[in-house]
Amino acid sequence: MKNGFWMSAFDDKIGITNETLLQYSNSFWLKNVSSKNKEKSIVICLHGWTATTYESKPIGDAIYQSGLDSAGPLLPGHGYKEEHVAKRKLSEIKFTDWISAVRHEIAEARKKYQRVFIYGQSMGGALALFAASEGIVDGCAVTAPAIKLPSYVNIIGPIFGFMNIFRKKKTNPNFFNEEYSFESFKSANELRKLAKIVQNNLSKIKCPLLVCHSKNDSAIDPVVPEIIKENANGTVEISWFNDSEHSMTLDIQGKEIAKKITTFFLKQLED
């Protein structure tokens, strides 16, 4: 079902038709038979800014294959096929819309599962950490969480963040990621606001955390894991994957990262 400009993993009715979406951007809900998922647990998987569920699904697939259920919503303003539509939709979204979407997914999951975990990449990582700070998930794993953005975003955001300015996005030629070819100044400013709020709320996090990052990430400062560890009040495990760049789930160490995240969530069921 369509929820504003996004697609929930748990709604059965189709609202945003496939004709309007990029090829791999549908939401997903991967369900094991009940006997296999004895703990009735699920991991909600969140993609990054300007990307789609193509980026979060490798983690969702690995989690599902381990015996846990996984789900991935298409976040507000993302996944539109036509560029002029994508620019308009993404520019209309506020950071609070992203937060509302994640809260909705967690609330829906709570109706069906005993334990709800969350994973996020980049912007999805920031949203996952925000959910953890609200105490509404049982554990949280993130890759390259966008809580400390490049300095130019913090400089231009307050000045140009109200304007519909777009620039061509740099992409990694070593692998495919389904993502917009542009960046929006308005949307980047919303991401800046989200990052600031998440940093301010890290001390409220009490659930176990796994932070995966790369020292070769050119988008999110590698100091981020230490910021999280110094401020969160839950246990924090940091794992480095330095052969990767920013889109860690799709890069050369993607399978290792997926295994690490899956192992982390399975361990939470033992404690």
C-alpha atoms as a PDB file:
ATOM      1  CA  MET A   1       0.000   0.000   0.000  1.00  0.00           C
ATOM      2  CA  LYS A   2       1.201   3.486  -0.800  1.00  0.00           C
ATOM      3  CA  ASN A   3       2.076   5.528   2.289  1.00  0.00           C
ATOM      4  CA  GLY A   4       2.675   9.074   1.039  1.00  0.00           C
ATOM      5  CA  PHE A   5       5.704   8.589  -1.199  1.00  0.00           C
ATOM      6  CA  TRP A   6       6.970   5.286   0.095  1.00  0.00           C
ATOM      7  CA  MET A   7       6.302   1.554   0.070  1.00  0.00           C
ATOM      8  CA  SER A   8       5.983  -0.411   3.305  1.00  0.00           C
ATOM      9  CA  ALA A   9       7.324  -3.959   3.479  1.00  0.00           C
ATOM     10  CA  PHE A  10       4.197  -5.109   5.315  1.00  0.00           C
ATOM     11  CA  ASP A  11       1.397  -3.721   3.146  1.00  0.00           C
ATOM     12  CA  ASP A  12      -0.136  -6.240   0.762  1.00  0.00           C
ATOM     13  CA  LYS A  13      -1.854  -3.810  -1.567  1.00  0.00           C
ATOM     14  CA  ILE A  14       0.156  -2.273  -4.372  1.00  0.00           C
ATOM     15  CA  GLY A  15       0.077   1.512  -4.341  1.00  0.00           C
ATOM     16  CA  ILE A  16       3.178   2.578  -6.249  1.00  0.00           C
ATOM     17  CA  THR A  17       2.981   0.571  -9.459  1.00  0.00           C
ATOM     18  CA  ASN A  18       6.006  -1.191 -10.875  1.00  0.00           C
ATOM     19  CA  GLU A  19       5.750   1.032 -13.933  1.00  0.00           C
ATOM     20  CA  THR A  20       6.726   4.049 -11.833  1.00  0.00           C
ATOM     21  CA  LEU A  21       9.604   2.345  -9.986  1.00  0.00           C
ATOM     22  CA  LEU A  22      13.182   1.504 -10.777  1.00  0.00           C
ATOM     23  CA  GLN A  23      13.650  -2.185 -11.560  1.00  0.00           C
ATOM     24  CA  TYR A  24      14.861  -3.507  -8.189  1.00  0.00           C
ATOM     25  CA  SER A  25      13.251  -1.045  -5.798  1.00  0.00           C
ATOM     26  CA  ASN A  26      10.234  -2.979  -4.516  1.00  0.00           C
ATOM     27  CA  SER A  27       9.908  -3.448  -0.789  1.00  0.00           C
ATOM     28  CA  PHE A  28      10.455  -6.995   0.497  1.00  0.00           C
ATOM     29  CA  TRP A  29       9.303  -9.242   3.325  1.00  0.00           C
ATOM     30  CA  LEU A  30      11.114 -12.579   3.491  1.00  0.00           C
ATOM     31  CA  LYS A  31       9.300 -15.047   5.738  1.00  0.00           C
ATOM     32  CA  ASN A  32      10.621 -18.395   6.942  1.00  0.00           C
ATOM     33  CA  VAL A  33       8.217 -21.129   7.949  1.00  0.00           C
ATOM     34  CA  SER A  34       7.265 -20.687  11.605  1.00  0.00           C
ATOM     35  CA  SER A  35       9.125 -23.818  12.730  1.00  0.00           C
ATOM     36  CA  LYS A  36      12.386 -22.425  11.412  1.00  0.00           C
ATOM     37  CA  ASN A  37      12.000 -18.983  12.936  1.00  0.00           C
ATOM     38  CA  LYS A  38      11.389 -20.292  16.466  1.00  0.00           C
ATOM     39  CA  GLU A  39      12.056 -16.978  18.163  1.00  0.00           C
ATOM     40  CA  LYS A  40       9.583 -15.135  15.932  1.00  0.00           C
ATOM     41  CA  SER A  41      12.220 -12.526  15.160  1.00  0.00           C
ATOM     42  CA  ILE A  42      12.667 -10.128  12.258  1.00  0.00           C
ATOM     43  CA  VAL A  43      15.280  -7.660  11.054  1.00  0.00           C
ATOM     44  CA  ILE A  44      14.059  -4.519   9.287  1.00  0.00           C
ATOM     45  CA  CYS A  45      16.609  -3.480   6.646  1.00  0.00           C
ATOM     46  CA  LEU A  46      16.971   0.137   5.518  1.00  0.00           C
ATOM     47  CA  HIS A  47      18.701   1.412   2.392  1.00  0.00           C
ATOM     48  CA  GLY A  48      20.718   4.594   1.965  1.00  0.00           C
ATOM     49  CA  TRP A  49      20.030   8.064   0.619  1.00  0.00           C
ATOM     50  CA  THR A  50      19.137   8.199  -3.124  1.00  0.00           C
ATOM     51  CA  ALA A  51      19.405   4.383  -3.273  1.00  0.00           C
ATOM     52  CA  THR A  52      16.714   1.657  -3.146  1.00  0.00           C
ATOM     53  CA  THR A  53      16.062  -1.702  -1.514  1.00  0.00           C
ATOM     54  CA  TYR A  54      18.607  -3.147  -3.970  1.00  0.00           C
ATOM     55  CA  GLU A  55      21.191  -1.870  -1.479  1.00  0.00           C
ATOM     56  CA  SER A  56      19.595  -3.383   1.641  1.00  0.00           C
ATOM     57  CA  LYS A  57      18.406  -6.680   0.177  1.00  0.00           C
ATOM     58  CA  PRO A  58      21.794  -8.502   0.270  1.00  0.00           C
ATOM     59  CA  ILE A  59      21.639  -8.163   4.055  1.00  0.00           C
ATOM     60  CA  GLY A  60      17.959  -9.136   4.085  1.00  0.00           C
ATOM     61  CA  ASP A  61      18.727 -12.244   1.997  1.00  0.00           C
ATOM     62  CA  ALA A  62      21.565 -13.360   4.294  1.00  0.00           C
ATOM     63  CA  ILE A  63      19.408 -12.862   7.385  1.00  0.00           C
ATOM     64  CA  TYR A  64      16.542 -14.814   5.826  1.00  0.00           C
ATOM     65  CA  GLN A  65      18.864 -17.684   4.892  1.00  0.00           C
ATOM     66  CA  SER A  66      20.002 -17.867   8.532  1.00  0.00           C
ATOM     67  CA  GLY A  67      16.445 -18.609   9.672  1.00  0.00           C
ATOM     68  CA  LEU A  68      15.332 -15.142  10.715  1.00  0.00           C
ATOM     69  CA  ASP A  69      12.759 -13.134   8.797  1.00  0.00           C
ATOM     70  CA  SER A  70      13.719  -9.859   7.152  1.00  0.00           C
ATOM     71  CA  ALA A  71      11.889  -6.927   5.639  1.00  0.00           C
ATOM     72  CA  GLY A  72      12.907  -3.849   3.692  1.00  0.00           C
ATOM     73  CA  PRO A  73      10.746  -0.818   2.956  1.00  0.00           C
ATOM     74  CA  LEU A  74      11.351   1.576   0.092  1.00  0.00           C
ATOM     75  CA  LEU A  75      11.909   4.821   1.978  1.00  0.00           C
ATOM     76  CA  PRO A  76      10.080   8.086   1.200  1.00  0.00           C
ATOM     77  CA  GLY A  77      11.144   9.880  -1.969  1.00  0.00           C
ATOM     78  CA  HIS A  78      13.171   6.968  -3.337  1.00  0.00           C
ATOM     79  CA  GLY A  79      12.930   4.491  -6.211  1.00  0.00           C
ATOM     80  CA  TYR A  80      11.192   6.551  -8.886  1.00  0.00           C
ATOM     81  CA  LYS A  81      12.097   5.683 -12.469  1.00  0.00           C
ATOM     82  CA  GLU A  82      11.561   9.023 -14.194  1.00  0.00           C
ATOM     83  CA  GLU A  83      14.230  11.522 -13.154  1.00  0.00           C
ATOM     84  CA  HIS A  84      11.968  14.574 -13.194  1.00  0.00           C
ATOM     85  CA  VAL A  85       9.518  12.748 -10.908  1.00  0.00           C
ATOM     86  CA  ALA A  86      12.340  11.541  -8.661  1.00  0.00           C
ATOM     87  CA  LYS A  87      13.712  15.070  -8.288  1.00  0.00           C
ATOM     88  CA  ARG A  88      10.320  16.435  -7.350  1.00  0.00           C
ATOM     89  CA  LYS A  89       9.429  13.632  -4.930  1.00  0.00           C
ATOM     90  CA  LEU A  90      12.788  13.563  -3.144  1.00  0.00           C
ATOM     91  CA  SER A  91      12.759  17.342  -2.729  1.00  0.00           C
ATOM     92  CA  GLU A  92       9.341  17.220  -1.068  1.00  0.00           C
ATOM     93  CA  ILE A  93      10.434  14.840   1.684  1.00  0.00           C
ATOM     94  CA  LYS A  94      11.369  15.986   5.186  1.00  0.00           C
ATOM     95  CA  PHE A  95      13.624  13.984   7.503  1.00  0.00           C
ATOM     96  CA  THR A  96      10.595  13.468   9.735  1.00  0.00           C
ATOM     97  CA  ASP A  97       8.945  11.544   6.883  1.00  0.00           C
ATOM     98  CA  TRP A  98      11.819   9.062   6.921  1.00  0.00           C
ATOM     99  CA  ILE A  99      11.517   8.712  10.682  1.00  0.00           C
ATOM    100  CA  SER A 100       7.744   8.210  10.454  1.00  0.00           C
ATOM    101  CA  ALA A 101       8.185   5.490   7.845  1.00  0.00           C
ATOM    102  CA  VAL A 102      10.644   3.587  10.047  1.00  0.00           C
ATOM    103  CA  ARG A 103       8.401   3.917  13.085  1.00  0.00           C
ATOM    104  CA  HIS A 104       5.522   2.525  11.013  1.00  0.00           C
ATOM    105  CA  GLU A 105       7.582  -0.504   9.936  1.00  0.00           C
ATOM    106  CA  ILE A 106       8.642  -1.247  13.506  1.00  0.00           C
ATOM    107  CA  ALA A 107       5.072  -0.888  14.781  1.00  0.00           C
ATOM    108  CA  GLU A 108       3.805  -3.269  12.097  1.00  0.00           C
ATOM    109  CA  ALA A 109       6.577  -5.751  12.877  1.00  0.00           C
ATOM    110  CA  ARG A 110       5.731  -5.632  16.599  1.00  0.00           C
ATOM    111  CA  LYS A 111       2.232  -6.878  15.789  1.00  0.00           C
ATOM    112  CA  LYS A 112       3.708 -10.021  14.250  1.00  0.00           C
ATOM    113  CA  TYR A 113       7.032 -10.735  15.972  1.00  0.00           C
ATOM    114  CA  GLN A 114       8.352 -11.169  19.498  1.00  0.00           C
ATOM    115  CA  ARG A 115      11.684  -9.509  18.754  1.00  0.00           C
ATOM    116  CA  VAL A 116      12.330  -6.751  16.242  1.00  0.00           C
ATOM    117  CA  PHE A 117      15.850  -5.829  15.156  1.00  0.00           C
ATOM    118  CA  ILE A 118      16.978  -3.183  12.707  1.00  0.00           C
ATOM    119  CA  TYR A 119      19.789  -2.759  10.175  1.00  0.00           C
ATOM    120  CA  GLY A 120      20.645   0.283   8.055  1.00  0.00           C
ATOM    121  CA  GLN A 121      23.143   1.468   5.458  1.00  0.00           C
ATOM    122  CA  SER A 122      24.240   5.135   5.397  1.00  0.00           C
ATOM    123  CA  MET A 123      21.023   7.195   5.788  1.00  0.00           C
ATOM    124  CA  GLY A 124      19.338   3.925   6.712  1.00  0.00           C
ATOM    125  CA  GLY A 125      22.014   3.530   9.372  1.00  0.00           C
ATOM    126  CA  ALA A 126      21.203   6.932  10.820  1.00  0.00           C
ATOM    127  CA  LEU A 127      17.512   5.995  10.883  1.00  0.00           C
ATOM    128  CA  ALA A 128      18.315   2.655  12.517  1.00  0.00           C
ATOM    129  CA  LEU A 129      20.302   4.423  15.235  1.00  0.00           C
ATOM    130  CA  PHE A 130      17.435   6.853  15.768  1.00  0.00           C
ATOM    131  CA  ALA A 131      15.048   3.922  16.239  1.00  0.00           C
ATOM    132  CA  ALA A 132      17.511   2.399  18.709  1.00  0.00           C
ATOM    133  CA  SER A 133      17.602   5.691  20.632  1.00  0.00           C
ATOM    134  CA  GLU A 134      13.812   5.523  20.969  1.00  0.00           C
ATOM    135  CA  GLY A 135      14.087   2.088  22.565  1.00  0.00           C
ATOM    136  CA  ILE A 136      11.751   0.450  20.040  1.00  0.00           C
ATOM    137  CA  VAL A 137      14.141  -2.215  18.696  1.00  0.00           C
ATOM    138  CA  ASP A 138      15.966  -5.096  20.387  1.00  0.00           C
ATOM    139  CA  GLY A 139      19.280  -4.676  18.580  1.00  0.00           C
ATOM    140  CA  CYS A 140      20.792  -2.558  15.825  1.00  0.00           C
ATOM    141  CA  ALA A 141      23.447  -3.053  13.147  1.00  0.00           C
ATOM    142  CA  VAL A 142      24.656  -0.339  10.795  1.00  0.00           C
ATOM    143  CA  THR A 143      27.052   0.072   7.894  1.00  0.00           C
ATOM    144  CA  ALA A 144      28.586   3.509   7.242  1.00  0.00           C
ATOM    145  CA  PRO A 145      25.863   5.311   9.225  1.00  0.00           C
ATOM    146  CA  ALA A 146      25.321   8.873   8.008  1.00  0.00           C
ATOM    147  CA  ILE A 147      25.580  10.732  11.296  1.00  0.00           C
ATOM    148  CA  LYS A 148      28.614  12.879  10.392  1.00  0.00           C
ATOM    149  CA  LEU A 149      28.329  14.213   6.867  1.00  0.00           C
ATOM    150  CA  PRO A 150      31.039  15.780   4.700  1.00  0.00           C
ATOM    151  CA  SER A 151      31.849  19.335   5.755  1.00  0.00           C
ATOM    152  CA  TYR A 152      30.499  20.868   2.550  1.00  0.00           C
ATOM    153  CA  VAL A 153      27.008  19.557   3.389  1.00  0.00           C
ATOM    154  CA  ASN A 154      27.103  21.309   6.754  1.00  0.00           C
ATOM    155  CA  ILE A 155      28.277  24.516   5.064  1.00  0.00           C
ATOM    156  CA  ILE A 156      25.897  24.677   2.104  1.00  0.00           C
ATOM    157  CA  GLY A 157      22.913  23.102   3.859  1.00  0.00           C
ATOM    158  CA  PRO A 158      21.840  26.108   5.944  1.00  0.00           C
ATOM    159  CA  ILE A 159      22.498  28.457   3.001  1.00  0.00           C
ATOM    160  CA  PHE A 160      21.126  26.597  -0.016  1.00  0.00           C
ATOM    161  CA  GLY A 161      19.058  23.863   1.624  1.00  0.00           C
ATOM    162  CA  PHE A 162      15.767  25.556   0.805  1.00  0.00           C
ATOM    163  CA  MET A 163      16.540  25.681  -2.952  1.00  0.00           C
ATOM    164  CA  ASN A 164      15.815  23.055  -5.615  1.00  0.00           C
ATOM    165  CA  ILE A 165      19.418  22.661  -6.712  1.00  0.00           C
ATOM    166  CA  PHE A 166      20.696  19.359  -8.084  1.00  0.00           C
ATOM    167  CA  ARG A 167      24.118  18.057  -8.975  1.00  0.00           C
ATOM    168  CA  LYS A 168      25.345  14.909 -10.665  1.00  0.00           C
ATOM    169  CA  LYS A 169      26.091  12.135  -8.217  1.00  0.00           C
ATOM    170  CA  LYS A 170      29.435  10.333  -8.179  1.00  0.00           C
ATOM    171  CA  THR A 171      29.051   6.570  -8.497  1.00  0.00           C
ATOM    172  CA  ASN A 172      31.425   3.671  -7.894  1.00  0.00           C
ATOM    173  CA  PRO A 173      32.303   2.056 -11.239  1.00  0.00           C
ATOM    174  CA  ASN A 174      33.326  -1.233  -9.591  1.00  0.00           C
ATOM    175  CA  PHE A 175      29.773  -2.445  -8.914  1.00  0.00           C
ATOM    176  CA  PHE A 176      26.159  -1.675  -9.714  1.00  0.00           C
ATOM    177  CA  ASN A 177      23.918   0.121  -7.248  1.00  0.00           C
ATOM    178  CA  GLU A 178      20.376   1.081  -8.140  1.00  0.00           C
ATOM    179  CA  GLU A 179      20.355   4.767  -7.240  1.00  0.00           C
ATOM    180  CA  TYR A 180      19.478   8.208  -8.490  1.00  0.00           C
ATOM    181  CA  SER A 181      22.005   9.852 -10.803  1.00  0.00           C
ATOM    182  CA  PHE A 182      21.664  13.131  -8.902  1.00  0.00           C
ATOM    183  CA  GLU A 183      21.865  14.646  -5.441  1.00  0.00           C
ATOM    184  CA  SER A 184      19.346  17.189  -4.168  1.00  0.00           C
ATOM    185  CA  PHE A 185      20.500  20.114  -2.020  1.00  0.00           C
ATOM    186  CA  LYS A 186      17.101  20.260  -0.327  1.00  0.00           C
ATOM    187  CA  SER A 187      17.174  16.574   0.502  1.00  0.00           C
ATOM    188  CA  ALA A 188      20.822  16.727   1.579  1.00  0.00           C
ATOM    189  CA  ASN A 189      19.840  19.423   4.058  1.00  0.00           C
ATOM    190  CA  GLU A 190      17.165  17.108   5.479  1.00  0.00           C
ATOM    191  CA  LEU A 191      19.808  14.401   5.815  1.00  0.00           C
ATOM    192  CA  ARG A 192      21.988  16.930   7.665  1.00  0.00           C
ATOM    193  CA  LYS A 193      19.167  17.607  10.120  1.00  0.00           C
ATOM    194  CA  LEU A 194      18.669  13.879  10.661  1.00  0.00           C
ATOM    195  CA  ALA A 195      22.387  13.341  11.291  1.00  0.00           C
ATOM    196  CA  LYS A 196      22.439  16.096  13.905  1.00  0.00           C
ATOM    197  CA  ILE A 197      19.441  14.709  15.777  1.00  0.00           C
ATOM    198  CA  VAL A 198      20.852  11.179  15.759  1.00  0.00           C
ATOM    199  CA  GLN A 199      24.180  12.372  17.167  1.00  0.00           C
ATOM    200  CA  ASN A 200      22.352  14.249  19.908  1.00  0.00           C
ATOM    201  CA  ASN A 201      20.394  11.131  20.855  1.00  0.00           C
ATOM    202  CA  LEU A 202      23.165   8.518  20.858  1.00  0.00           C
ATOM    203  CA  SER A 203      23.296   8.503  24.665  1.00  0.00           C
ATOM    204  CA  LYS A 204      19.730   7.169  24.739  1.00  0.00           C
ATOM    205  CA  ILE A 205      20.739   3.952  22.989  1.00  0.00           C
ATOM    206  CA  LYS A 206      20.777   0.971  25.356  1.00  0.00           C
ATOM    207  CA  CYS A 207      20.387  -1.989  22.984  1.00  0.00           C
ATOM    208  CA  PRO A 208      23.376  -3.882  21.516  1.00  0.00           C
ATOM    209  CA  LEU A 209      24.986  -2.225  18.489  1.00  0.00           C
ATOM    210  CA  LEU A 210      27.174  -3.431  15.640  1.00  0.00           C
ATOM    211  CA  VAL A 211      28.899  -0.717  13.618  1.00  0.00           C
ATOM    212  CA  CYS A 212      30.583  -1.716  10.347  1.00  0.00           C
ATOM    213  CA  HIS A 213      32.665   0.895   8.569  1.00  0.00           C
ATOM    214  CA  SER A 214      35.585   1.393   6.207  1.00  0.00           C
ATOM    215  CA  LYS A 215      38.537   3.689   6.680  1.00  0.00           C
ATOM    216  CA  ASN A 216      38.374   4.207   2.906  1.00  0.00           C
ATOM    217  CA  ASP A 217      34.837   5.604   3.031  1.00  0.00           C
ATOM    218  CA  SER A 218      34.957   8.960   1.246  1.00  0.00           C
ATOM    219  CA  ALA A 219      31.359   9.876   2.121  1.00  0.00           C
ATOM    220  CA  ILE A 220      31.079   9.224   5.869  1.00  0.00           C
ATOM    221  CA  ASP A 221      33.995  10.036   8.149  1.00  0.00           C
ATOM    222  CA  PRO A 222      35.644   6.906   9.649  1.00  0.00           C
ATOM    223  CA  VAL A 223      35.540   8.630  13.048  1.00  0.00           C
ATOM    224  CA  VAL A 224      31.827   7.760  13.211  1.00  0.00           C
ATOM    225  CA  PRO A 225      32.213   4.350  14.931  1.00  0.00           C
ATOM    226  CA  GLU A 226      34.180   5.968  17.776  1.00  0.00           C
ATOM    227  CA  ILE A 227      31.571   8.713  18.136  1.00  0.00           C
ATOM    228  CA  ILE A 228      28.930   6.022  18.554  1.00  0.00           C
ATOM    229  CA  LYS A 229      31.016   3.970  20.969  1.00  0.00           C
ATOM    230  CA  GLU A 230      31.818   6.982  23.151  1.00  0.00           C
ATOM    231  CA  ASN A 231      28.206   8.113  23.415  1.00  0.00           C
ATOM    232  CA  ALA A 232      25.919   5.069  23.276  1.00  0.00           C
ATOM    233  CA  ASN A 233      24.996   3.350  26.524  1.00  0.00           C
ATOM    234  CA  GLY A 234      24.572  -0.113  25.056  1.00  0.00           C
ATOM    235  CA  THR A 235      27.320  -2.524  24.085  1.00  0.00           C
ATOM    236  CA  VAL A 236      29.020  -1.410  20.859  1.00  0.00           C
ATOM    237  CA  GLU A 237      30.952  -3.741  18.578  1.00  0.00           C
ATOM    238  CA  ILE A 238      32.999  -2.129  15.806  1.00  0.00           C
ATOM    239  CA  SER A 239      34.070  -4.057  12.734  1.00  0.00           C
ATOM    240  CA  TRP A 240      36.261  -2.642   9.957  1.00  0.00           C
ATOM    241  CA  PHE A 241      36.050  -3.612   6.292  1.00  0.00           C
ATOM    242  CA  ASN A 242      38.704  -1.414   4.740  1.00  0.00           C
ATOM    243  CA  ASP A 243      38.703  -2.969   1.272  1.00  0.00           C
ATOM    244  CA  SER A 244      35.236  -1.492   0.793  1.00  0.00           C
ATOM    245  CA  GLU A 245      34.078   2.043   0.157  1.00  0.00           C
ATOM    246  CA  HIS A 246      30.766   3.653   1.108  1.00  0.00           C
ATOM    247  CA  SER A 247      28.123   1.308  -0.339  1.00  0.00           C
ATOM    248  CA  MET A 248      29.427  -1.534   1.773  1.00  0.00           C
ATOM    249  CA  THR A 249      26.683  -4.077   1.133  1.00  0.00           C
ATOM    250  CA  LEU A 250      27.484  -4.167  -2.596  1.00  0.00           C
ATOM    251  CA  ASP A 251      31.249  -3.706  -2.529  1.00  0.00           C
ATOM    252  CA  ILE A 252      33.971  -6.353  -2.603  1.00  0.00           C
ATOM    253  CA  GLN A 253      33.459  -7.377   1.048  1.00  0.00           C
ATOM    254  CA  GLY A 254      29.668  -7.470   0.852  1.00  0.00           C
ATOM    255  CA  LYS A 255      29.365 -11.174   1.664  1.00  0.00           C
ATOM    256  CA  GLU A 256      31.688 -10.864   4.671  1.00  0.00           C
ATOM    257  CA  ILE A 257      29.685  -7.910   5.946  1.00  0.00           C
ATOM    258  CA  ALA A 258      26.391  -9.754   5.497  1.00  0.00           C
ATOM    259  CA  LYS A 259      27.788 -12.718   7.437  1.00  0.00           C
ATOM    260  CA  LYS A 260      29.017 -10.458  10.241  1.00  0.00           C
ATOM    261  CA  ILE A 261      25.647  -8.745  10.560  1.00  0.00           C
ATOM    262  CA  THR A 262      23.730 -12.018  10.465  1.00  0.00           C
ATOM    263  CA  THR A 263      25.968 -13.523  13.149  1.00  0.00           C
ATOM    264  CA  PHE A 264      25.429 -10.435  15.309  1.00  0.00           C
ATOM    265  CA  PHE A 265      21.641 -10.769  15.202  1.00  0.00           C
ATOM    266  CA  LEU A 266      21.710 -14.510  15.821  1.00  0.00           C
ATOM    267  CA  LYS A 267      23.882 -13.884  18.871  1.00  0.00           C
ATOM    268  CA  GLN A 268      21.230 -11.573  20.314  1.00  0.00           C
ATOM    269  CA  LEU A 269      18.837 -14.530  20.413  1.00  0.00           C
ATOM    270  CA  GLU A 270      21.314 -16.467  22.569  1.00  0.00           C
ATOM    271  CA  ASP A 271      21.697 -13.753  25.209  1.00  0.00           C
END
